[in-house]
Protein backbone atom coordinates (compact mmCIF):
# COMPACT_ATOMS: atom_id res chain seq x y z
CA MET A 1 39.72 77.55 19.40
CA ARG A 2 42.33 76.38 16.94
CA GLU A 3 43.11 72.73 16.16
CA LEU A 4 46.03 71.52 18.26
CA PRO A 5 49.39 70.87 16.57
CA GLY A 6 49.55 67.25 15.49
CA LEU A 7 53.13 66.55 14.49
CA THR A 8 54.61 63.91 16.77
CA THR A 9 58.28 63.84 15.75
CA PRO A 10 60.25 66.25 17.99
CA ASP A 11 62.01 67.93 15.07
CA GLN A 12 62.28 71.49 13.83
CA ALA A 13 59.00 71.29 11.92
CA SER A 14 57.15 70.28 15.10
CA LEU A 15 58.86 73.06 17.03
CA GLU A 16 57.79 75.68 14.49
CA GLU A 17 54.24 74.32 14.45
CA LEU A 18 54.12 74.58 18.24
CA ARG A 19 55.58 78.08 18.14
CA THR A 20 52.87 79.14 15.67
CA TYR A 21 50.21 77.64 17.95
CA TYR A 22 51.44 79.69 20.94
CA LEU A 23 51.66 82.86 18.85
CA HIS A 24 48.05 82.34 17.75
CA PHE A 25 47.01 81.76 21.34
CA ALA A 26 48.70 85.01 22.40
CA ARG A 27 47.42 87.17 19.53
CA VAL A 28 43.90 85.75 19.15
CA GLU A 29 42.76 83.67 22.12
CA ALA A 30 44.29 85.63 25.01
CA ALA A 31 44.56 89.07 23.43
CA GLY A 32 42.24 91.50 25.17
CA VAL A 33 41.11 88.76 27.55
CA SER A 34 44.08 87.90 29.76
CA ALA A 35 47.15 90.10 29.62
CA ARG A 36 49.16 87.59 31.64
CA TYR A 37 48.35 84.65 29.39
CA ALA A 38 49.01 86.71 26.27
CA ALA A 39 52.45 87.61 27.67
CA TRP A 40 53.13 84.04 28.75
CA ALA A 41 52.16 82.62 25.36
CA LEU A 42 54.40 85.12 23.54
CA GLY A 43 57.14 84.15 25.96
CA VAL A 44 56.73 80.44 25.28
CA ALA A 45 56.80 81.07 21.53
CA ASP A 46 60.19 82.77 21.94
CA ASP A 47 61.54 80.26 24.47
CA GLU A 48 63.35 77.44 22.65
CA ALA A 49 64.02 75.52 25.87
CA MET A 50 60.33 75.59 26.88
CA LEU A 51 59.22 74.54 23.42
CA GLN A 52 61.63 71.62 23.54
CA ARG A 53 60.25 70.57 26.94
CA LEU A 54 56.71 70.69 25.56
CA LEU A 55 57.72 68.62 22.52
CA ARG A 56 58.73 65.81 24.84
CA LEU A 57 55.10 65.59 26.00
CA PRO A 58 52.33 63.83 24.02
CA PRO A 59 50.81 66.26 21.46
CA ALA A 60 47.55 66.65 23.40
CA LYS A 61 49.51 67.74 26.48
CA ARG A 62 51.35 70.66 24.83
CA GLN A 63 48.46 73.11 24.86
CA ALA A 64 48.67 76.55 26.43
CA ASN A 65 45.67 76.19 28.74
CA LEU A 66 47.08 73.02 30.26
CA LEU A 67 50.61 74.36 30.75
CA PHE A 68 49.44 77.63 32.27
CA ALA A 69 46.80 76.08 34.56
CA ALA A 70 49.28 73.48 35.81
CA ALA A 71 51.82 76.23 36.48
CA ARG A 72 49.30 78.25 38.48
CA LEU A 73 48.19 75.16 40.38
CA HIS A 74 51.81 75.03 41.57
CA ASP A 75 51.79 78.71 42.56
CA VAL A 76 53.38 80.29 39.48
CA GLU A 77 51.72 83.71 39.26
CA ALA A 78 54.43 86.08 37.93
CA ALA A 79 53.07 88.42 35.26
CA ASP A 80 56.41 88.65 33.44
CA TRP A 81 57.31 85.58 31.39
CA SER A 82 61.00 85.54 32.32
CA ALA A 83 60.09 85.33 36.02
CA ALA A 84 57.31 82.81 35.35
CA ALA A 85 59.62 80.68 33.20
CA ALA A 86 62.20 80.51 35.99
CA GLN A 87 59.50 79.38 38.44
CA ILE A 88 58.16 76.81 35.96
CA LEU A 89 61.66 75.44 35.42
CA ALA A 90 62.24 75.12 39.16
CA ARG A 91 58.92 73.26 39.59
CA TRP A 92 58.93 71.40 36.28
CA PRO A 93 58.71 67.83 37.69
CA GLN A 94 55.50 68.72 39.57
CA ILE A 95 54.07 70.77 36.69
CA GLU A 96 54.86 68.08 34.13
CA ALA A 97 53.23 65.44 36.34
CA THR A 98 50.08 67.56 36.61
CA MET A 99 49.99 68.09 32.84
CA LEU A 100 50.27 64.35 32.25
CA GLU A 101 47.63 63.55 34.86
CA ARG A 102 45.14 66.31 34.13
CA ALA A 103 43.43 67.64 31.01
CA THR A 104 42.00 70.98 29.97
CA GLN A 105 38.50 70.59 31.40
CA THR A 106 37.27 74.15 31.35
CA ASN A 107 33.70 73.89 32.63
CA GLU A 108 32.27 77.33 31.95
CA PRO A 109 28.53 77.60 32.71
CA GLY A 110 28.48 80.90 30.82
CA ARG A 111 28.48 78.88 27.60
CA ILE A 112 24.92 77.84 28.43
CA ALA A 113 23.77 81.27 27.23
CA THR A 114 24.95 80.55 23.67
CA LEU A 115 24.11 76.84 23.70
CA ASN A 116 20.53 77.90 24.49
CA LEU A 117 20.25 79.32 20.97
CA ALA A 118 20.42 75.76 19.64
CA PHE A 119 18.50 74.14 22.49
CA ALA A 120 15.64 76.59 21.88
CA GLN A 121 15.39 75.59 18.23
CA ILE A 122 15.24 71.92 19.17
CA GLN A 123 12.59 72.63 21.84
CA ALA A 124 10.49 74.56 19.32
CA GLN A 125 10.59 71.62 16.91
CA GLU A 126 10.24 68.84 19.49
CA PRO A 127 8.24 69.78 22.61
CA ALA A 128 9.29 66.74 24.66
CA PRO A 129 11.82 67.34 27.46
CA LEU A 130 15.42 67.25 26.32
CA ALA A 131 17.74 64.44 27.37
CA LEU A 132 21.11 66.17 27.37
CA ILE A 133 24.34 64.25 26.81
CA GLU A 134 27.49 66.33 26.93
CA VAL A 135 30.70 64.80 25.62
CA GLY A 136 33.76 66.25 27.31
CA ALA A 137 31.49 67.11 30.21
CA SER A 138 34.20 67.78 32.82
CA ALA A 139 32.14 68.18 36.02
CA GLY A 140 28.84 68.53 34.15
CA LEU A 141 28.22 72.20 34.95
CA CYS A 142 26.80 72.91 31.46
CA LEU A 143 24.08 70.28 31.82
CA TYR A 144 21.70 72.75 33.53
CA PRO A 145 20.45 75.18 30.84
CA ASP A 146 17.03 75.09 32.47
CA ALA A 147 18.42 76.30 35.82
CA TRP A 148 20.39 79.45 34.97
CA PRO A 149 18.72 82.86 34.57
CA VAL A 150 20.09 84.40 31.38
CA ARG A 151 19.91 88.06 30.41
CA TYR A 152 20.16 88.58 26.64
CA ARG A 153 21.06 92.03 25.32
CA SER A 154 20.67 93.08 21.69
CA GLN A 155 22.72 95.67 19.83
CA ASP A 156 19.88 98.18 20.31
CA ASP A 157 20.22 97.73 24.12
CA ALA A 158 16.96 95.79 24.36
CA GLU A 159 17.02 93.16 27.12
CA VAL A 160 15.27 89.86 27.64
CA LEU A 161 15.62 87.95 30.91
CA LEU A 162 14.83 84.24 30.80
CA ALA A 163 14.54 82.64 34.21
CA PRO A 164 13.49 79.28 35.65
CA ALA A 165 9.94 79.06 36.96
CA PRO A 166 9.50 79.55 40.73
CA GLY A 167 10.16 76.38 42.63
CA GLU A 168 12.34 74.89 39.90
CA LEU A 169 16.06 74.16 40.07
CA ARG A 170 17.71 77.58 39.93
CA SER A 171 21.22 79.02 39.98
CA THR A 172 22.01 81.85 42.35
CA VAL A 173 24.08 83.54 39.60
CA GLU A 174 22.69 85.19 36.47
CA LEU A 175 24.37 84.75 33.08
CA SER A 176 24.47 87.46 30.41
CA CYS A 177 24.98 87.36 26.67
CA GLU A 178 25.14 90.05 23.97
CA LEU A 179 23.45 89.12 20.70
CA HIS A 180 24.32 90.65 17.33
CA GLY A 181 22.00 89.90 14.46
CA LEU A 182 20.33 87.11 16.42
CA THR A 183 16.99 86.72 18.21
CA PRO A 184 16.95 85.69 21.89
CA PRO A 185 15.50 82.27 22.67
CA ALA A 186 11.81 82.21 23.46
CA GLY A 187 12.45 80.46 26.76
CA LEU A 188 14.68 78.11 28.67
CA PRO A 189 14.59 74.46 27.58
CA GLN A 190 12.87 71.69 29.50
CA VAL A 191 15.45 69.15 30.64
CA GLY A 192 14.41 65.71 31.82
CA HIS A 193 17.71 63.83 31.74
CA ARG A 194 21.35 64.90 32.24
CA ALA A 195 24.36 62.76 31.36
CA GLY A 196 27.97 63.37 30.42
CA ILE A 197 31.03 61.53 29.16
CA ASP A 198 34.59 62.48 30.04
CA LEU A 199 37.92 60.69 30.13
CA ASN A 200 38.21 61.83 33.73
CA PRO A 201 34.97 63.31 35.11
CA LEU A 202 35.53 65.87 37.83
CA ASP A 203 33.74 65.89 41.16
CA VAL A 204 33.09 69.47 42.23
CA THR A 205 32.37 68.29 45.75
CA ALA A 206 36.03 67.18 45.98
CA PRO A 207 38.37 70.10 46.90
CA HIS A 208 41.22 69.01 44.58
CA ASP A 209 38.91 68.81 41.54
CA LEU A 210 37.28 72.14 42.38
CA ARG A 211 40.73 73.73 42.71
CA TRP A 212 41.69 72.42 39.26
CA LEU A 213 38.54 73.94 37.72
CA GLU A 214 39.41 77.27 39.33
CA ALA A 215 43.02 77.03 38.10
CA LEU A 216 41.65 76.74 34.55
CA ILE A 217 40.08 80.21 34.85
CA TRP A 218 42.42 82.71 33.19
CA PRO A 219 43.95 85.60 35.14
CA GLY A 220 41.83 88.67 34.50
CA MET A 221 38.64 86.59 34.36
CA GLU A 222 38.08 86.04 38.05
CA HIS A 223 34.44 87.08 37.59
CA ARG A 224 33.87 83.52 36.34
CA ILE A 225 34.67 81.95 39.73
CA PRO A 226 31.19 82.56 41.24
CA ARG A 227 29.71 80.64 38.29
CA ILE A 228 31.80 77.62 39.20
CA SER A 229 30.51 77.81 42.78
CA ALA A 230 26.90 78.21 41.66
CA GLY A 231 27.27 75.36 39.18
CA ALA A 232 28.74 73.14 41.88
CA ALA A 233 25.68 73.83 44.03
CA LEU A 234 23.38 72.69 41.20
CA VAL A 235 25.40 69.50 40.73
CA ALA A 236 25.17 68.78 44.45
CA GLN A 237 21.41 69.37 44.39
CA ALA A 238 20.62 67.31 41.27
CA PRO A 239 23.68 65.25 40.26
CA PRO A 240 23.98 64.30 36.58
CA SER A 241 25.05 60.84 35.42
CA LEU A 242 28.74 61.14 34.49
CA PHE A 243 30.49 58.32 32.67
CA ALA A 244 34.27 57.89 32.53
CA GLY A 245 35.80 56.86 29.23
CA ASP A 246 36.40 57.71 25.60
CA LEU A 247 33.45 59.55 24.09
CA ASN A 248 33.45 57.34 20.99
CA ASP A 249 33.51 54.16 23.04
CA ARG A 250 30.72 55.11 25.45
CA LEU A 251 28.36 57.24 23.37
CA VAL A 252 26.03 54.45 22.21
CA GLU A 253 25.77 53.05 25.74
CA VAL A 254 24.87 56.45 27.20
CA LEU A 255 22.35 57.15 24.43
CA ASP A 256 20.68 53.82 25.16
CA GLN A 257 19.84 55.10 28.66
CA VAL A 258 17.79 58.05 27.40
CA PRO A 259 14.12 57.71 28.46
CA ALA A 260 11.88 56.92 25.51
CA ALA A 261 9.64 59.97 25.97
CA MET A 262 12.52 62.48 25.70
CA THR A 263 14.48 64.05 22.86
CA PRO A 264 18.16 63.00 22.98
CA VAL A 265 20.58 65.89 22.43
CA VAL A 266 24.33 65.31 22.15
CA PHE A 267 26.38 68.48 22.61
CA HIS A 268 29.96 69.63 23.14
CA THR A 269 32.09 72.78 23.36
CA ALA A 270 35.82 72.96 22.57
CA VAL A 271 36.20 69.18 22.77
CA LEU A 272 36.72 67.74 19.31
CA ALA A 273 39.93 69.71 18.70
CA TYR A 274 41.58 67.27 21.10
CA LEU A 275 40.60 64.28 18.94
CA SER A 276 42.33 63.04 15.82
CA ARG A 277 40.52 63.77 12.57
CA GLU A 278 39.67 60.09 12.27
CA ASP A 279 38.08 60.07 15.73
CA ARG A 280 36.11 63.24 14.94
CA LEU A 281 34.68 61.55 11.86
CA ARG A 282 33.86 58.43 13.86
CA PHE A 283 32.07 60.56 16.46
CA ARG A 284 30.06 62.43 13.84
CA ARG A 285 28.98 59.21 12.15
CA GLN A 286 27.84 57.76 15.49
CA VAL A 287 25.78 60.81 16.38
CA GLU A 288 24.16 61.04 12.97
CA ALA A 289 23.38 57.30 12.93
CA SER A 290 21.79 57.52 16.39
CA GLY A 291 19.06 59.96 15.36
CA ALA A 292 19.92 62.26 18.28
CA ARG A 293 19.97 66.01 17.80
CA TRP A 294 23.53 67.32 17.65
CA VAL A 295 24.73 70.66 19.01
CA SER A 296 28.36 71.48 18.25
CA ASN A 297 30.25 74.52 19.58
CA GLU A 298 33.76 74.19 18.15
CA GLY A 299 36.45 76.11 16.30
CA LEU A 300 35.76 77.15 12.73
CA HIS A 301 37.73 74.36 11.05
CA VAL A 302 37.65 71.65 13.73
CA LEU A 303 34.76 69.82 12.05
CA ALA A 304 34.95 69.11 8.33
CA GLY A 305 32.09 70.75 6.48
CA ILE A 306 31.42 73.58 8.94
CA GLY A 307 34.04 76.10 7.86
CA GLU A 308 33.31 75.33 4.21
CA GLN A 309 29.77 76.63 4.70
CA LEU A 310 31.12 79.93 6.04
CA PRO A 311 33.48 81.53 3.49
CA GLY A 312 32.95 84.88 5.22
CA GLU A 313 34.52 83.63 8.47
CA ASP A 314 38.17 83.10 9.36
CA ASP A 315 40.40 82.04 12.25
CA SER A 316 41.38 85.57 13.22
CA GLU A 317 38.42 85.77 15.61
CA SER A 318 38.49 83.93 18.91
CA GLY A 319 35.61 81.66 19.75
CA PHE A 320 33.48 78.95 18.21
CA VAL A 321 30.85 78.18 15.60
CA LEU A 322 27.59 76.98 17.14
CA SER A 323 25.92 74.42 14.87
CA LEU A 324 22.76 72.35 15.02
CA ASP A 325 22.83 69.04 13.16
CA GLY A 326 25.77 70.30 11.09
CA GLU A 327 24.13 73.62 10.18
CA PRO A 328 25.97 76.74 11.47
CA LEU A 329 23.79 79.00 13.63
CA ALA A 330 26.10 81.58 15.22
CA ARG A 331 29.65 82.62 15.99
CA THR A 332 30.00 82.42 19.76
CA ALA A 333 32.47 83.93 22.23
CA PRO A 334 34.64 81.47 24.21
CA HIS A 335 32.77 81.81 27.50
CA GLY A 336 29.27 82.50 26.24
CA GLN A 337 29.45 86.25 26.72
CA SER A 338 28.26 87.03 23.18
CA ALA A 339 27.06 85.56 19.91
CA ARG A 340 26.58 86.97 16.44
CA ALA A 341 25.09 85.87 13.16
CA VAL A 342 27.52 83.93 10.98
CA ARG A 343 29.00 85.45 7.85
CA ARG A 344 28.29 83.22 4.86
């Protein structure tokens, strides 16, 4: 995931920056994943009127995922951009209101499969149960790495299935992940505490919040919908503690609630790109000062110091860099479907 455009003045430079962002989304993020979103993003990049409308929104509200999910929430489903643009224009007041009210809160449990690569290393070093704190937690669906069966496949077609013990909390849906140059985790982590921070935590037992989560699933990726349902069932069975507010403002408070006998782990996926660089630095300093373990799953250059360790990597590949305490571990696919060794 690329850093969001940050220019605030609605001038030609901001317009070109936004156009470049949508072109990147079409050619890298959506290419080969969602034909409709790739076409829509190319359409936006070539649509001066739409770009101008987006420039009138706050910078964080101009992103492709938010625009497209809000459009689909208001029944815009045309595959062709010209038809979709006409529908968006006709429903713009409602779509704009949704974009201002909502945020991109993709809550993809599939990411657990790649996050487990870091959780397993922590568990091997510190045998106490993990106290997970996810910042940008959305509805908290990724707070259950101990409850999802995960099938790992290697490039030689070898398979390893990790599953919760009988009688434990367990998802009805199995996750899968292809590994390239990486070893599967030895087992699922032990989790003793689950907490999350989000500006607007979602409640998957509320139909309107569940519908928004489903609207965030890209066309062509409907296979992800059963994961949302299975994750919602886990949340209903063992609700996490979700805290509303800015992650920097509430992190210390939430860390203070971690039971003494557990290992605190702060983690996040595709979250810090929405923060200013100053707020990212503030967050990093807080985590490092706390003594908690830190699992980051962000774009290559979102966090200072990560991309610099990986001169063999570039932004032409969609996905994230999974890091543990600032050390890159793997390049991960956006929805946890694969991971590979990083190129240094």
